[in-house]
Structure formats: C-alpha cells, structure tokens
Protein backbone atom coordinates (compact mmCIF):
# COMPACT_ATOMS: atom_id res chain seq x y z
CA UNK A 1 -47.12 14.32 176.69
CA UNK A 2 -48.17 10.70 177.18
CA UNK A 3 -48.45 8.38 174.27
CA UNK A 4 -52.03 8.04 173.01
CA UNK A 5 -54.05 5.14 174.34
CA UNK A 6 -55.57 2.28 172.40
CA UNK A 7 -58.99 3.87 172.89
CA UNK A 8 -57.84 7.05 171.18
CA UNK A 9 -56.77 5.06 168.17
CA UNK A 10 -60.12 3.27 168.12
CA UNK A 11 -61.86 6.62 167.79
CA UNK A 12 -60.25 7.01 164.40
CA UNK A 13 -61.84 3.75 163.27
CA UNK A 14 -65.00 5.80 162.78
CA UNK A 15 -63.23 7.72 160.06
CA UNK A 16 -62.05 4.69 158.06
CA UNK A 17 -62.19 0.91 158.43
CA UNK A 18 -58.52 0.80 157.45
CA UNK A 19 -57.28 2.52 160.61
CA UNK A 20 -55.13 0.49 163.01
CA UNK A 21 -56.14 -0.86 166.38
CA UNK A 22 -52.73 -2.01 167.65
CA UNK A 23 -51.76 -0.34 170.89
CA UNK A 24 -48.38 0.64 172.28
CA UNK A 25 -46.59 -1.66 174.69
CA UNK A 26 -47.23 0.46 177.77
CA UNK A 27 -44.31 1.24 180.06
CA UNK A 28 -45.80 -0.60 183.07
CA UNK A 29 -46.36 -3.65 180.90
CA UNK A 30 -42.79 -3.43 179.66
CA UNK A 31 -41.52 -3.59 183.22
CA UNK A 32 -43.86 -6.46 184.03
CA UNK A 33 -42.70 -8.49 181.05
CA UNK A 34 -38.98 -7.68 181.09
CA UNK A 35 -37.83 -10.93 182.68
CA UNK A 36 -40.10 -13.05 180.50
CA UNK A 37 -39.20 -11.21 177.31
CA UNK A 38 -35.47 -11.41 177.96
CA UNK A 39 -35.78 -15.16 178.19
CA UNK A 40 -37.70 -15.10 174.93
CA UNK A 41 -35.21 -12.85 173.18
CA UNK A 42 -32.11 -14.79 174.09
CA UNK A 43 -33.69 -18.24 174.00
CA UNK A 44 -35.15 -18.34 170.48
CA UNK A 45 -32.17 -17.41 168.32
CA UNK A 46 -31.20 -19.96 165.66
CA UNK A 47 -28.29 -22.18 166.60
CA UNK A 48 -25.46 -22.89 164.19
CA UNK A 49 -26.80 -26.37 163.52
CA UNK A 50 -30.19 -24.91 162.60
CA UNK A 51 -28.55 -22.44 160.24
CA UNK A 52 -26.74 -25.28 158.51
CA UNK A 53 -29.95 -27.26 158.11
CA UNK A 54 -31.94 -24.24 156.90
CA UNK A 55 -33.08 -21.14 158.74
CA UNK A 56 -36.48 -21.25 160.40
CA UNK A 57 -37.77 -17.71 160.99
CA UNK A 58 -39.19 -16.82 164.41
CA UNK A 59 -42.92 -16.71 164.87
CA UNK A 60 -44.42 -13.26 164.25
CA UNK A 61 -45.18 -12.98 167.99
CA UNK A 62 -41.64 -13.93 169.05
CA UNK A 63 -40.23 -11.51 166.50
CA UNK A 64 -42.47 -8.69 167.68
CA UNK A 65 -41.87 -9.18 171.40
CA UNK A 66 -38.08 -9.35 170.96
CA UNK A 67 -37.92 -6.18 168.87
CA UNK A 68 -40.34 -4.23 171.05
CA UNK A 69 -38.02 -4.98 173.95
CA UNK A 70 -35.17 -3.51 171.89
CA UNK A 71 -33.10 -6.68 171.50
CA UNK A 72 -30.75 -5.63 168.69
CA UNK A 73 -28.50 -8.67 169.15
CA UNK A 74 -31.38 -11.04 168.50
CA UNK A 75 -32.55 -8.98 165.53
CA UNK A 76 -29.04 -9.02 164.06
CA UNK A 77 -28.77 -12.77 164.60
CA UNK A 78 -32.03 -13.41 162.80
CA UNK A 79 -31.01 -11.16 159.90
CA UNK A 80 -27.60 -12.82 159.65
CA UNK A 81 -29.35 -16.18 159.50
CA UNK A 82 -31.48 -15.11 156.54
CA UNK A 83 -34.53 -13.33 157.92
CA UNK A 84 -36.05 -11.04 155.23
CA UNK A 85 -35.58 -7.38 156.24
CA UNK A 86 -39.28 -6.67 155.74
CA UNK A 87 -40.50 -9.66 157.78
CA UNK A 88 -43.58 -8.57 159.75
CA UNK A 89 -44.49 -9.16 163.37
CA UNK A 90 -47.95 -10.04 164.64
CA UNK A 91 -48.62 -6.35 165.18
CA UNK A 92 -47.07 -2.98 164.28
CA UNK A 93 -45.30 -4.38 161.19
CA UNK A 94 -41.72 -4.78 160.02
CA UNK A 95 -38.63 -4.45 162.19
CA UNK A 96 -38.13 -0.93 160.88
CA UNK A 97 -41.73 -0.07 161.73
CA UNK A 98 -41.30 -1.43 165.25
CA UNK A 99 -38.21 0.77 165.59
CA UNK A 100 -40.29 3.77 164.50
CA UNK A 101 -43.12 2.85 166.89
CA UNK A 102 -40.72 2.49 169.80
CA UNK A 103 -38.53 5.47 168.87
CA UNK A 104 -35.57 3.07 168.53
CA UNK A 105 -33.39 4.69 165.87
CA UNK A 106 -30.66 2.03 166.22
CA UNK A 107 -33.20 -0.66 165.35
CA UNK A 108 -34.34 1.31 162.31
CA UNK A 109 -30.72 1.75 161.22
CA UNK A 110 -30.09 -2.00 161.50
CA UNK A 111 -33.02 -3.00 159.31
CA UNK A 112 -32.45 -0.16 156.85
CA UNK A 113 -28.85 -1.28 156.39
CA UNK A 114 -30.15 -4.76 155.53
CA UNK A 115 -32.47 -3.40 152.84
CA UNK A 116 -35.75 -2.71 154.65
CA UNK A 117 -38.25 -0.59 152.72
CA UNK A 118 -38.74 2.78 154.40
CA UNK A 119 -42.19 3.16 152.82
CA UNK A 120 -43.49 -0.38 153.30
CA UNK A 121 -47.00 -0.70 154.73
CA UNK A 122 -48.35 -3.01 157.40
CA UNK A 123 -51.68 -4.83 157.31
CA UNK A 124 -53.42 -1.60 158.42
CA UNK A 125 -51.95 0.44 155.57
CA UNK A 126 -49.53 2.30 157.84
CA UNK A 127 -45.94 3.26 157.12
CA UNK A 128 -43.07 3.70 159.57
CA UNK A 129 -43.36 7.49 159.40
CA UNK A 130 -47.01 7.36 160.49
CA UNK A 131 -46.15 5.16 163.46
CA UNK A 132 -43.31 7.42 164.61
CA UNK A 133 -45.58 10.46 164.27
CA UNK A 134 -48.39 8.76 166.22
CA UNK A 135 -46.08 8.07 169.14
CA UNK A 136 -44.50 11.55 169.01
CA UNK A 137 -40.95 10.28 168.36
CA UNK A 138 -39.45 13.38 166.76
CA UNK A 139 -35.95 11.91 166.31
CA UNK A 140 -37.39 8.86 164.58
CA UNK A 141 -39.48 11.12 162.31
CA UNK A 142 -36.41 13.17 161.46
CA UNK A 143 -34.31 10.07 160.75
CA UNK A 144 -36.95 8.61 158.45
CA UNK A 145 -37.34 11.78 156.39
CA UNK A 146 -33.58 12.28 156.20
CA UNK A 147 -33.21 8.75 154.82
CA UNK A 148 -35.88 9.04 152.16
CA UNK A 149 -39.27 8.28 153.70
CA UNK A 150 -42.17 9.93 151.86
CA UNK A 151 -43.74 12.76 153.83
CA UNK A 152 -46.94 12.64 151.73
CA UNK A 153 -48.97 9.83 150.21
CA UNK A 154 -50.84 9.70 146.93
CA UNK A 155 -54.58 10.15 146.74
CA UNK A 156 -56.86 9.82 149.75
CA UNK A 157 -54.79 8.23 152.52
CA UNK A 158 -53.94 8.70 156.16
CA UNK A 159 -50.78 10.76 156.50
CA UNK A 160 -48.15 11.21 159.18
CA UNK A 161 -49.56 14.70 159.73
CA UNK A 162 -53.03 13.25 160.41
CA UNK A 163 -51.51 11.00 163.04
CA UNK A 164 -49.36 13.67 164.69
CA UNK A 165 -52.27 16.12 164.96
CA UNK A 166 -54.78 13.56 166.23
CA UNK A 167 -52.30 12.47 168.93
CA UNK A 168 -51.54 16.09 169.85
CA UNK A 169 -47.81 16.14 169.05
CA UNK A 170 -47.27 19.82 168.21
CA UNK A 171 -43.50 19.60 167.67
CA UNK A 172 -43.78 16.61 165.34
CA UNK A 173 -46.61 18.24 163.37
CA UNK A 174 -44.58 21.45 163.01
CA UNK A 175 -41.57 19.53 161.75
CA UNK A 176 -43.66 17.60 159.22
CA UNK A 177 -45.14 20.83 157.91
CA UNK A 178 -41.67 22.33 157.51
CA UNK A 179 -40.64 19.25 155.57
CA UNK A 180 -43.51 19.70 153.13
CA UNK A 181 -46.39 17.74 154.62
CA UNK A 182 -49.68 18.50 152.87
CA UNK A 183 -51.74 20.49 155.36
CA UNK A 184 -54.90 19.61 153.42
CA UNK A 185 -54.26 15.89 153.05
CA UNK A 186 -57.46 13.84 153.25
CA UNK A 187 -58.04 10.34 154.59
CA UNK A 188 -59.81 7.59 152.62
CA UNK A 189 -63.17 8.98 153.72
CA UNK A 190 -62.16 12.60 153.12
CA UNK A 191 -61.36 13.55 156.72
CA UNK A 192 -58.87 16.40 156.71
CA UNK A 193 -55.96 17.06 159.05
CA UNK A 194 -57.87 20.02 160.50
CA UNK A 195 -60.74 17.67 161.36
CA UNK A 196 -58.34 15.72 163.58
CA UNK A 197 -57.66 18.87 165.60
CA UNK A 198 -61.39 19.63 165.76
CA UNK A 199 -62.30 16.11 166.88
CA UNK A 200 -59.76 16.05 169.70
CA UNK A 201 -60.03 19.73 170.69
CA UNK A 202 -56.41 20.59 169.83
CA UNK A 203 -56.83 24.36 169.57
CA UNK A 204 -53.09 25.17 169.46
CA UNK A 205 -52.64 22.77 166.57
CA UNK A 206 -55.73 24.18 164.86
CA UNK A 207 -54.13 27.64 164.98
CA UNK A 208 -50.90 26.38 163.41
CA UNK A 209 -52.74 24.43 160.72
CA UNK A 210 -54.75 27.51 159.77
CA UNK A 211 -51.53 29.53 159.61
CA UNK A 212 -50.10 26.91 157.27
CA UNK A 213 -53.11 27.21 154.97
CA UNK A 214 -55.54 24.52 156.16
CA UNK A 215 -58.89 24.75 154.38
CA UNK A 216 -61.79 24.56 156.90
CA UNK A 217 -64.28 24.10 154.04
CA UNK A 218 -63.08 20.59 153.16
CA UNK A 219 -65.79 17.99 153.67
CA UNK A 220 -65.61 14.27 154.32
CA UNK A 221 -67.77 11.69 152.60
CA UNK A 222 -70.61 12.48 155.04
CA UNK A 223 -70.54 16.16 154.10
CA UNK A 224 -69.05 17.24 157.46
CA UNK A 225 -66.48 19.98 157.94
CA UNK A 226 -64.01 20.69 160.73
CA UNK A 227 -66.52 23.17 162.19
CA UNK A 228 -69.18 20.45 162.32
CA UNK A 229 -66.84 18.28 164.36
CA UNK A 230 -65.71 21.09 166.64
CA UNK A 231 -69.33 21.96 167.48
CA UNK A 232 -70.42 18.33 167.79
CA UNK A 233 -67.72 17.57 170.37
CA UNK A 234 -68.09 20.94 172.10
CA UNK A 235 -64.61 22.23 171.24
CA UNK A 236 -65.56 25.87 171.00
CA UNK A 237 -61.98 27.18 171.06
CA UNK A 238 -61.24 25.24 167.90
CA UNK A 239 -64.51 26.44 166.37
CA UNK A 240 -63.49 30.07 166.97
CA UNK A 241 -60.09 29.47 165.36
CA UNK A 242 -61.31 27.84 162.16
CA UNK A 243 -64.16 30.20 161.26
CA UNK A 244 -64.98 33.90 161.23
CA UNK A 245 -66.90 35.62 164.07
CA UNK A 246 -70.20 35.71 162.18
CA UNK A 247 -70.12 32.02 161.33
CA UNK A 248 -69.11 31.12 164.86
CA UNK A 249 -72.01 33.10 166.40
CA UNK A 250 -74.42 31.45 163.98
CA UNK A 251 -73.06 28.00 164.84
CA UNK A 252 -73.12 28.68 168.58
CA UNK A 253 -76.78 29.75 168.43
CA UNK A 254 -77.92 26.55 166.76
CA UNK A 255 -79.47 23.81 168.93
CA UNK A 256 -76.97 21.25 170.17
CA UNK A 257 -79.05 18.51 168.57
CA UNK A 258 -78.23 19.92 165.13
CA UNK A 259 -74.67 18.62 165.42
CA UNK A 260 -75.60 15.05 166.28
CA UNK A 261 -74.69 12.84 169.21
CA UNK A 262 -71.03 13.06 170.27
CA UNK A 263 -69.83 9.49 170.78
CA UNK A 264 -66.30 8.51 171.67
CA UNK A 265 -64.93 5.12 172.57
CA UNK A 266 -64.24 4.33 176.19
CA UNK A 267 -60.64 3.95 177.30
CA UNK A 268 -59.45 0.36 177.69
CA UNK A 269 -58.63 -0.27 181.37
CA UNK A 270 -54.91 -0.36 182.07
CA UNK A 271 -55.30 -3.65 183.94
CA UNK A 272 -56.84 -5.41 180.93
CA UNK A 273 -54.19 -3.93 178.66
CA UNK A 274 -51.45 -5.30 180.91
CA UNK A 275 -53.10 -8.72 180.98
CA UNK A 276 -53.20 -8.77 177.19
CA UNK A 277 -49.50 -7.90 177.04
CA UNK A 278 -48.69 -10.69 179.49
CA UNK A 279 -50.76 -13.10 177.41
CA UNK A 280 -48.90 -12.16 174.25
CA UNK A 281 -45.50 -12.76 175.85
CA UNK A 282 -46.71 -16.08 177.27
CA UNK A 283 -47.98 -17.13 173.85
CA UNK A 284 -44.61 -16.28 172.32
CA UNK A 285 -42.95 -18.61 174.85
CA UNK A 286 -45.44 -21.39 174.26
CA UNK A 287 -46.95 -21.38 177.76
CA UNK A 288 -50.45 -22.60 178.48
CA UNK A 289 -52.90 -19.71 178.11
CA UNK A 290 -55.96 -21.09 179.86
CA UNK A 291 -55.38 -19.31 183.17
CA UNK A 292 -54.50 -15.94 181.67
CA UNK A 293 -57.54 -16.18 179.37
CA UNK A 294 -59.73 -16.83 182.40
CA UNK A 295 -58.20 -13.85 184.17
CA UNK A 296 -58.83 -11.61 181.15
CA UNK A 297 -62.43 -12.78 180.82
CA UNK A 298 -63.06 -12.23 184.52
CA UNK A 299 -61.53 -8.74 184.40
CA UNK A 300 -63.65 -7.79 181.41
CA UNK A 301 -66.83 -9.09 183.03
CA UNK A 302 -66.08 -7.30 186.29
CA UNK A 303 -65.25 -4.11 184.45
CA UNK A 304 -68.52 -4.26 182.47
CA UNK A 305 -70.55 -4.47 185.69
CA UNK A 306 -68.99 -1.38 187.21
CA UNK A 307 -70.62 2.03 186.75
CA UNK A 308 -68.65 4.71 184.86
CA UNK A 309 -66.20 6.49 187.12
CA UNK A 310 -65.66 3.42 189.29
CA UNK A 311 -63.83 1.26 186.77
CA UNK A 312 -60.40 1.05 188.38
CA UNK A 313 -59.24 -2.55 188.54
CA UNK A 314 -56.50 -3.73 190.93
CA UNK A 315 -53.30 -4.04 188.87
CA UNK A 316 -51.14 -7.11 188.47
CA UNK A 317 -47.54 -6.30 189.33
CA UNK A 318 -45.73 -9.40 188.08
CA UNK A 319 -45.78 -12.76 186.38
CA UNK A 320 -44.52 -15.73 188.40
CA UNK A 321 -43.34 -18.79 186.45
CA UNK A 322 -42.45 -21.97 188.34
CA UNK A 323 -41.36 -25.51 187.43
CA UNK A 324 -40.69 -28.75 189.29
CA UNK A 325 -37.10 -29.97 189.48
CA UNK A 326 -38.31 -33.50 188.85
CA UNK A 327 -40.22 -32.40 185.76
CA UNK A 328 -38.86 -29.08 184.47
CA UNK A 329 -40.93 -29.26 181.28
CA UNK A 330 -44.13 -28.77 183.28
CA UNK A 331 -44.36 -25.09 184.07
CA UNK A 332 -46.98 -22.99 185.78
CA UNK A 333 -47.57 -19.29 185.38
CA UNK A 334 -49.66 -17.01 187.55
CA UNK A 335 -50.17 -13.30 187.92
CA UNK A 336 -49.07 -11.75 191.17
CA UNK A 337 -51.27 -8.90 192.34
CA UNK A 338 -50.45 -6.03 194.62
CA UNK A 339 -51.28 -7.02 198.21
CA UNK A 340 -54.23 -5.22 199.71
CA UNK A 341 -53.44 -2.53 202.21
CA UNK A 342 -54.01 -3.70 205.79
CA UNK A 343 -57.25 -2.52 207.27
CA UNK A 344 -56.87 0.42 209.57
CA UNK A 345 -57.31 -0.44 213.23
CA UNK A 346 -60.49 0.86 214.76
CA UNK A 347 -59.95 3.80 217.03
CA UNK A 348 -61.61 4.18 220.41
CA UNK A 349 -64.76 6.23 220.40
CA UNK A 350 -62.99 9.22 221.96
CA UNK A 351 -60.27 9.09 219.33
CA UNK A 352 -62.86 9.02 216.53
CA UNK A 353 -64.04 12.43 217.57
CA UNK A 354 -66.68 11.68 220.21
CA UNK A 355 -67.66 14.93 221.89
CA UNK A 356 -66.55 15.39 225.51
CA UNK A 357 -67.89 18.08 227.83
CA UNK A 358 -65.62 21.05 228.31
CA UNK A 359 -64.16 21.59 231.73
CA UNK A 360 -65.68 24.43 233.70
CA UNK A 361 -63.31 27.05 234.91
C-alpha cells in the first residue's frame, strides 16, 4: 500500500486543529534530491576546529534533510559534537521521530542510545509511534513498543491506532490492538478510531475494530457518530458493518441531504510537492530561492486554472547546479524537465485510413 499523501493528512485537520500537515518525502523527490542532499549531508558536519571553539548545531532544515536521507554518519558526528538527542528538525520532529517516519530503525537506535525520549512530541503533538503507524512501518512500530513507547495516550488525544486506521494499514492496526491499543480512543474533538475507518471507507478495518469491541455509539463534539460519517461519505459497506440491519435500512432510506455535504481536500499535485522538496533542499544549502519560488508560484497558478481531471503537470526530473570556474561562489540552479515527446509525423491520407474503392473481380 502506498504511503498516504499530504492531502489525506489535511483531511484530518477538520477533526482537530492540532493535526499535522507535514508530508512524507516522496520517493521520486528523494531520487531527485539525492545528489544535492549528499552534498549537504557530508558538507555541513562540524570540523575539529569548530568543536574546539564550541559546537554550532546544524540548522533545523539541514538536520532534517540529512536524516531523511538516512545519513547515520552525519547524525553520529553531530551527536558526538554535542547535539542534544531530542533536537528537532524543521518538520517531522526529533531524530528518533524522523527514523520512525522513514522506517529507519538504525537511526532510531542511534538516537535512543544517546538518550532520546521515545515519547517526546513534536510541534503538532505527535509522537514517534504515531508517525511510524501513519507511514505503515510495522518494524518501526514493533521496535518502539519493545523499547518502551506508550501505546496509548492520556485523555482525549490522537493515538497511533487512529493514524494506522486512517491511513489504511491493517497489519499495523492489528499489531497495535494486540499490544493493548485502546480501540475506543478519542481525539481532542472526540473522533473515535472507528470514525477514521468510516471517513475513509476502510470496511475491512471497520470489521476488525468491531470485533475488538469498538463502540459505534461514540460521538464527537459535533454529536456525530461513525454511522453519520459512513453515510455522509457514501461508504455503505462500513455502514452495514457498524450497525444492525434495521438501523442501516433506516439510514439508507433517509435523504442524502440529511447527512450534510461531503467535502474532502484535493490532493496536492505531485509536481508541486516535488518542487517544494527541491526548494527545501536548496534552502538548506543556502542557494538563492527566487527562481524556485517563481516556478512554484507558476505551477500553482497553472494548476488552479485547470479543470478537475486535467490537473497533471509535467514533472521536473532533476536539479542542475552550475558555477563559473572564475567565480565558484556564484552558483546557479535550475530545474530540468522531461523533454517533450517528438510530434508524430503526419501520415499520407491513404495511411490515415482514407477509403479506397475495392477492386472488382
């Protein structure tokens, strides 16, 4: 199953203003940025002279990009030089959280060995276990619980089970339940785990949650139940699972307008997401951002003008950085797009299917 998109995470913002909006570093973007990020990772480590004069921590962006690319050597060098183990990047959170987000158990082990807090929270109120569950990294989830991460949270709070169910990770959700996850945990606004399955139409997960004792009668702060959400978003299979036949027939016979307007956020175009990732890596290296900002603005404007269903933007396939030998400090960066396919040569009229009289026999 693919990792959930940034748009999917934005849908959850309706449920609580404390939900995150950071998005995963997509695989295509990772390939696009590999050369740039490697230069960042190996070019920003503190030198011995700097250590002697006093360690200067990396910028949150530099820290985040290096760890998202899995550079354990750079992470170890920073920690050896005095970086706090719970230092936070510009997004995702601590080094241990980035390891959980990326499914990088070795990175989690490194920061845990240096004293990182397994249950620390980022600026969105998330813990490492939630991030691993969101991305469907079962091994990371297992490692965290085996090393003491809390499977449940106190009071009304988003849980790892909420995240796993919303993202559709059946195996992770099953493991969390076996490890004691509260099947009736409620978010800050009262949204239950079962409501996540109803909202996204995850009927298989709805079945398992009901078998584990999920209560379909729980209501959020707006008085809505999982059935309300299942009917609102037209997920009738889930509605059948979480109620009895009589209640389902009654719900199905009600006017659609009774359930309210079903609104979901639109998926962020992959091209714009890649441009944002390129921008972040360029910012970490200190490059001028004016051109990439213009490209992002133009892509957004062009995307906004397109009708739904026709919003496929031509992807960038690389980032080209050049410098003059005479003045190596002056560098230029530009995105390299995929060349357009050559236009097909026009065929003669007969070849295009022009009718010709049949020969008489």
